PDB file of all heavy atoms in Angstrom:
ATOM      1  N   MET A   1      -0.529 -23.279 -26.390  1.00  0.00           N
ATOM      2  CA  MET A   1       0.787 -23.013 -26.922  1.00  0.00           C
ATOM      3  C   MET A   1       1.061 -24.014 -28.037  1.00  0.00           C
ATOM      4  O   MET A   1       0.699 -25.176 -27.941  1.00  0.00           O
ATOM      5  CB  MET A   1       1.842 -23.134 -25.818  1.00  0.00           C
ATOM      6  CG  MET A   1       3.229 -22.868 -26.332  1.00  0.00           C
ATOM      7  SD  MET A   1       4.561 -22.896 -25.118  1.00  0.00           S
ATOM      8  CE  MET A   1       3.907 -22.085 -23.731  1.00  0.00           C
ATOM      9  N   THR A   2       1.725 -23.531 -29.065  1.00  0.00           N
ATOM     10  CA  THR A   2       2.156 -24.390 -30.159  1.00  0.00           C
ATOM     11  C   THR A   2       3.669 -24.397 -30.192  1.00  0.00           C
ATOM     12  O   THR A   2       4.301 -23.334 -30.228  1.00  0.00           O
ATOM     13  CB  THR A   2       1.621 -23.874 -31.512  1.00  0.00           C
ATOM     14  OG1 THR A   2       0.205 -23.853 -31.474  1.00  0.00           O
ATOM     15  CG2 THR A   2       2.089 -24.746 -32.650  1.00  0.00           C
ATOM     16  N   PHE A   3       4.267 -25.590 -30.160  1.00  0.00           N
ATOM     17  CA  PHE A   3       5.717 -25.717 -30.233  1.00  0.00           C
ATOM     18  C   PHE A   3       6.143 -25.935 -31.675  1.00  0.00           C
ATOM     19  O   PHE A   3       5.476 -26.638 -32.426  1.00  0.00           O
ATOM     20  CB  PHE A   3       6.207 -26.889 -29.369  1.00  0.00           C
ATOM     21  CG  PHE A   3       6.028 -26.651 -27.900  1.00  0.00           C
ATOM     22  CD1 PHE A   3       4.996 -27.264 -27.208  1.00  0.00           C
ATOM     23  CD2 PHE A   3       6.888 -25.813 -27.204  1.00  0.00           C
ATOM     24  CE1 PHE A   3       4.828 -27.046 -25.847  1.00  0.00           C
ATOM     25  CE2 PHE A   3       6.725 -25.586 -25.846  1.00  0.00           C
ATOM     26  CZ  PHE A   3       5.691 -26.208 -25.173  1.00  0.00           C
ATOM     27  N   SER A   4       7.268 -25.327 -32.061  1.00  0.00           N
ATOM     28  CA  SER A   4       7.826 -25.477 -33.404  1.00  0.00           C
ATOM     29  C   SER A   4       9.317 -25.724 -33.298  1.00  0.00           C
ATOM     30  O   SER A   4       9.961 -25.322 -32.325  1.00  0.00           O
ATOM     31  CB  SER A   4       7.589 -24.209 -34.235  1.00  0.00           C
ATOM     32  OG  SER A   4       6.219 -23.951 -34.375  1.00  0.00           O
ATOM     33  N   GLY A   5       9.877 -26.357 -34.323  1.00  0.00           N
ATOM     34  CA  GLY A   5      11.318 -26.592 -34.353  1.00  0.00           C
ATOM     35  C   GLY A   5      11.732 -27.668 -33.379  1.00  0.00           C
ATOM     36  O   GLY A   5      10.927 -28.493 -32.964  1.00  0.00           O
ATOM     37  N   GLY A   6      12.997 -27.641 -32.986  1.00  0.00           N
ATOM     38  CA  GLY A   6      13.548 -28.691 -32.140  1.00  0.00           C
ATOM     39  C   GLY A   6      13.426 -28.409 -30.660  1.00  0.00           C
ATOM     40  O   GLY A   6      14.084 -27.514 -30.129  1.00  0.00           O
ATOM     41  N   ILE A   7      12.571 -29.161 -29.966  1.00  0.00           N
ATOM     42  CA  ILE A   7      12.411 -29.074 -28.518  1.00  0.00           C
ATOM     43  C   ILE A   7      12.303 -30.498 -27.985  1.00  0.00           C
ATOM     44  O   ILE A   7      11.520 -31.300 -28.487  1.00  0.00           O
ATOM     45  CB  ILE A   7      11.152 -28.288 -28.110  1.00  0.00           C
ATOM     46  CG1 ILE A   7      11.219 -26.858 -28.655  1.00  0.00           C
ATOM     47  CG2 ILE A   7      11.000 -28.260 -26.592  1.00  0.00           C
ATOM     48  CD1 ILE A   7       9.944 -26.075 -28.482  1.00  0.00           C
ATOM     49  N   THR A   8      13.101 -30.813 -26.971  1.00  0.00           N
ATOM     50  CA  THR A   8      13.048 -32.124 -26.336  1.00  0.00           C
ATOM     51  C   THR A   8      12.350 -31.989 -24.988  1.00  0.00           C
ATOM     52  O   THR A   8      12.811 -31.245 -24.127  1.00  0.00           O
ATOM     53  CB  THR A   8      14.469 -32.692 -26.128  1.00  0.00           C
ATOM     54  OG1 THR A   8      15.128 -32.746 -27.392  1.00  0.00           O
ATOM     55  CG2 THR A   8      14.418 -34.069 -25.499  1.00  0.00           C
ATOM     56  N   HIS A   9      11.253 -32.701 -24.812  1.00  0.00           N
ATOM     57  CA  HIS A   9      10.509 -32.702 -23.556  1.00  0.00           C
ATOM     58  C   HIS A   9      10.921 -33.922 -22.749  1.00  0.00           C
ATOM     59  O   HIS A   9      10.996 -35.032 -23.280  1.00  0.00           O
ATOM     60  CB  HIS A   9       9.002 -32.731 -23.822  1.00  0.00           C
ATOM     61  CG  HIS A   9       8.500 -31.528 -24.533  1.00  0.00           C
ATOM     62  ND1 HIS A   9       8.045 -30.405 -23.888  1.00  0.00           N
ATOM     63  CD2 HIS A   9       8.400 -31.249 -25.855  1.00  0.00           C
ATOM     64  CE1 HIS A   9       7.661 -29.500 -24.764  1.00  0.00           C
ATOM     65  NE2 HIS A   9       7.874 -29.989 -25.967  1.00  0.00           N
ATOM     66  N   SER A  10      11.203 -33.731 -21.447  1.00  0.00           N
ATOM     67  CA  SER A  10      11.604 -34.828 -20.576  1.00  0.00           C
ATOM     68  C   SER A  10      11.102 -34.570 -19.164  1.00  0.00           C
ATOM     69  O   SER A  10      10.448 -33.556 -18.907  1.00  0.00           O
ATOM     70  CB  SER A  10      13.128 -34.975 -20.574  1.00  0.00           C
ATOM     71  OG  SER A  10      13.726 -33.890 -19.886  1.00  0.00           O
ATOM     72  N   SER A  11      11.449 -35.439 -18.244  1.00  0.00           N
ATOM     73  CA  SER A  11      11.006 -35.286 -16.856  1.00  0.00           C
ATOM     74  C   SER A  11      11.638 -34.075 -16.169  1.00  0.00           C
ATOM     75  O   SER A  11      11.163 -33.628 -15.129  1.00  0.00           O
ATOM     76  CB  SER A  11      11.324 -36.551 -16.061  1.00  0.00           C
ATOM     77  OG  SER A  11      12.722 -36.763 -16.036  1.00  0.00           O
ATOM     78  N   THR A  12      12.696 -33.505 -16.756  1.00  0.00           N
ATOM     79  CA  THR A  12      13.339 -32.337 -16.156  1.00  0.00           C
ATOM     80  C   THR A  12      12.866 -31.025 -16.776  1.00  0.00           C
ATOM     81  O   THR A  12      13.206 -29.956 -16.276  1.00  0.00           O
ATOM     82  CB  THR A  12      14.871 -32.427 -16.260  1.00  0.00           C
ATOM     83  OG1 THR A  12      15.235 -32.573 -17.638  1.00  0.00           O
ATOM     84  CG2 THR A  12      15.402 -33.604 -15.449  1.00  0.00           C
ATOM     85  N   GLY A  13      12.118 -31.081 -17.863  1.00  0.00           N
ATOM     86  CA  GLY A  13      11.606 -29.861 -18.473  1.00  0.00           C
ATOM     87  C   GLY A  13      11.615 -29.930 -19.988  1.00  0.00           C
ATOM     88  O   GLY A  13      11.640 -31.010 -20.576  1.00  0.00           O
ATOM     89  N   ALA A  14      11.612 -28.766 -20.610  1.00  0.00           N
ATOM     90  CA  ALA A  14      11.643 -28.642 -22.066  1.00  0.00           C
ATOM     91  C   ALA A  14      12.969 -28.009 -22.469  1.00  0.00           C
ATOM     92  O   ALA A  14      13.330 -26.947 -21.961  1.00  0.00           O
ATOM     93  CB  ALA A  14      10.480 -27.794 -22.559  1.00  0.00           C
ATOM     94  N   LEU A  15      13.675 -28.670 -23.373  1.00  0.00           N
ATOM     95  CA  LEU A  15      14.992 -28.213 -23.809  1.00  0.00           C
ATOM     96  C   LEU A  15      14.941 -27.826 -25.283  1.00  0.00           C
ATOM     97  O   LEU A  15      14.866 -28.689 -26.157  1.00  0.00           O
ATOM     98  CB  LEU A  15      16.039 -29.306 -23.590  1.00  0.00           C
ATOM     99  CG  LEU A  15      17.465 -28.984 -24.010  1.00  0.00           C
ATOM    100  CD1 LEU A  15      18.024 -27.826 -23.196  1.00  0.00           C
ATOM    101  CD2 LEU A  15      18.346 -30.223 -23.855  1.00  0.00           C
ATOM    102  N   PRO A  16      14.976 -26.509 -25.578  1.00  0.00           N
ATOM    103  CA  PRO A  16      14.998 -26.074 -26.973  1.00  0.00           C
ATOM    104  C   PRO A  16      16.392 -26.276 -27.569  1.00  0.00           C
ATOM    105  O   PRO A  16      17.386 -26.267 -26.850  1.00  0.00           O
ATOM    106  CB  PRO A  16      14.637 -24.594 -26.896  1.00  0.00           C
ATOM    107  CG  PRO A  16      15.085 -24.172 -25.532  1.00  0.00           C
ATOM    108  CD  PRO A  16      14.955 -25.372 -24.651  1.00  0.00           C
ATOM    109  N   ASN A  17      16.459 -26.447 -28.894  1.00  0.00           N
ATOM    110  CA  ASN A  17      17.741 -26.742 -29.541  1.00  0.00           C
ATOM    111  C   ASN A  17      18.625 -25.518 -29.790  1.00  0.00           C
ATOM    112  O   ASN A  17      19.749 -25.652 -30.237  1.00  0.00           O
ATOM    113  CB  ASN A  17      17.524 -27.506 -30.850  1.00  0.00           C
ATOM    114  CG  ASN A  17      16.805 -26.690 -31.919  1.00  0.00           C
ATOM    115  OD1 ASN A  17      16.526 -25.508 -31.743  1.00  0.00           O
ATOM    116  ND2 ASN A  17      16.490 -27.337 -33.027  1.00  0.00           N
ATOM    117  N   GLY A  18      18.138 -24.321 -29.538  1.00  0.00           N
ATOM    118  CA  GLY A  18      18.952 -23.120 -29.695  1.00  0.00           C
ATOM    119  C   GLY A  18      19.017 -22.567 -31.098  1.00  0.00           C
ATOM    120  O   GLY A  18      19.676 -21.547 -31.331  1.00  0.00           O
ATOM    121  N   SER A  19      18.320 -23.207 -32.054  1.00  0.00           N
ATOM    122  CA  SER A  19      18.364 -22.695 -33.424  1.00  0.00           C
ATOM    123  C   SER A  19      17.002 -22.610 -34.098  1.00  0.00           C
ATOM    124  O   SER A  19      16.800 -21.756 -34.955  1.00  0.00           O
ATOM    125  CB  SER A  19      19.300 -23.553 -34.285  1.00  0.00           C
ATOM    126  OG  SER A  19      18.847 -24.891 -34.318  1.00  0.00           O
ATOM    127  N   THR A  20      16.069 -23.481 -33.743  1.00  0.00           N
ATOM    128  CA  THR A  20      14.739 -23.441 -34.365  1.00  0.00           C
ATOM    129  C   THR A  20      13.601 -23.660 -33.377  1.00  0.00           C
ATOM    130  O   THR A  20      12.453 -23.398 -33.704  1.00  0.00           O
ATOM    131  CB  THR A  20      14.599 -24.526 -35.460  1.00  0.00           C
ATOM    132  OG1 THR A  20      14.766 -25.812 -34.858  1.00  0.00           O
ATOM    133  CG2 THR A  20      15.616 -24.322 -36.574  1.00  0.00           C
ATOM    134  N   GLY A  21      13.889 -24.137 -32.174  1.00  0.00           N
ATOM    135  CA  GLY A  21      12.840 -24.508 -31.238  1.00  0.00           C
ATOM    136  C   GLY A  21      12.285 -23.326 -30.459  1.00  0.00           C
ATOM    137  O   GLY A  21      13.029 -22.547 -29.881  1.00  0.00           O
ATOM    138  N   TYR A  22      10.958 -23.193 -30.460  1.00  0.00           N
ATOM    139  CA  TYR A  22      10.301 -22.156 -29.666  1.00  0.00           C
ATOM    140  C   TYR A  22       8.840 -22.527 -29.471  1.00  0.00           C
ATOM    141  O   TYR A  22       8.304 -23.415 -30.137  1.00  0.00           O
ATOM    142  CB  TYR A  22      10.417 -20.776 -30.322  1.00  0.00           C
ATOM    143  CG  TYR A  22       9.539 -20.572 -31.528  1.00  0.00           C
ATOM    144  CD1 TYR A  22       8.337 -19.877 -31.430  1.00  0.00           C
ATOM    145  CD2 TYR A  22       9.906 -21.056 -32.784  1.00  0.00           C
ATOM    146  CE1 TYR A  22       7.524 -19.681 -32.529  1.00  0.00           C
ATOM    147  CE2 TYR A  22       9.110 -20.864 -33.893  1.00  0.00           C
ATOM    148  CZ  TYR A  22       7.914 -20.178 -33.757  1.00  0.00           C
ATOM    149  OH  TYR A  22       7.108 -19.997 -34.853  1.00  0.00           O
ATOM    150  N   GLY A  23       8.195 -21.837 -28.544  1.00  0.00           N
ATOM    151  CA  GLY A  23       6.772 -22.015 -28.308  1.00  0.00           C
ATOM    152  C   GLY A  23       6.041 -20.707 -28.519  1.00  0.00           C
ATOM    153  O   GLY A  23       6.451 -19.665 -28.017  1.00  0.00           O
ATOM    154  N   LYS A  24       4.963 -20.761 -29.262  1.00  0.00           N
ATOM    155  CA  LYS A  24       4.128 -19.586 -29.526  1.00  0.00           C
ATOM    156  C   LYS A  24       2.963 -19.618 -28.539  1.00  0.00           C
ATOM    157  O   LYS A  24       2.159 -20.544 -28.555  1.00  0.00           O
ATOM    158  CB  LYS A  24       3.612 -19.626 -30.960  1.00  0.00           C
ATOM    159  CG  LYS A  24       2.830 -18.424 -31.388  1.00  0.00           C
ATOM    160  CD  LYS A  24       2.461 -18.538 -32.867  1.00  0.00           C
ATOM    161  CE  LYS A  24       1.700 -17.322 -33.335  1.00  0.00           C
ATOM    162  NZ  LYS A  24       1.372 -17.443 -34.770  1.00  0.00           N
ATOM    163  N   THR A  25       2.881 -18.625 -27.649  1.00  0.00           N
ATOM    164  CA  THR A  25       1.886 -18.637 -26.584  1.00  0.00           C
ATOM    165  C   THR A  25       0.508 -18.154 -27.024  1.00  0.00           C
ATOM    166  O   THR A  25      -0.472 -18.436 -26.350  1.00  0.00           O
ATOM    167  CB  THR A  25       2.331 -17.761 -25.408  1.00  0.00           C
ATOM    168  OG1 THR A  25       2.301 -16.391 -25.821  1.00  0.00           O
ATOM    169  CG2 THR A  25       3.693 -18.150 -24.890  1.00  0.00           C
ATOM    170  N   PHE A  26       0.438 -17.402 -28.096  1.00  0.00           N
ATOM    171  CA  PHE A  26      -0.790 -16.765 -28.569  1.00  0.00           C
ATOM    172  C   PHE A  26      -1.271 -15.668 -27.620  1.00  0.00           C
ATOM    173  O   PHE A  26      -2.396 -15.187 -27.736  1.00  0.00           O
ATOM    174  CB  PHE A  26      -1.908 -17.789 -28.829  1.00  0.00           C
ATOM    175  CG  PHE A  26      -1.562 -18.748 -29.927  1.00  0.00           C
ATOM    176  CD1 PHE A  26      -1.033 -19.992 -29.626  1.00  0.00           C
ATOM    177  CD2 PHE A  26      -1.722 -18.384 -31.254  1.00  0.00           C
ATOM    178  CE1 PHE A  26      -0.684 -20.869 -30.625  1.00  0.00           C
ATOM    179  CE2 PHE A  26      -1.383 -19.264 -32.267  1.00  0.00           C
ATOM    180  CZ  PHE A  26      -0.861 -20.515 -31.957  1.00  0.00           C
TER     181      PHE A  26
END
């Protein structure tokens, strides 16, 4: 998977920013 845009990774999971963040699974 390739992540693009705004995503914050933490101990609780991955938090996308709601405007540019996403993951491309291929």
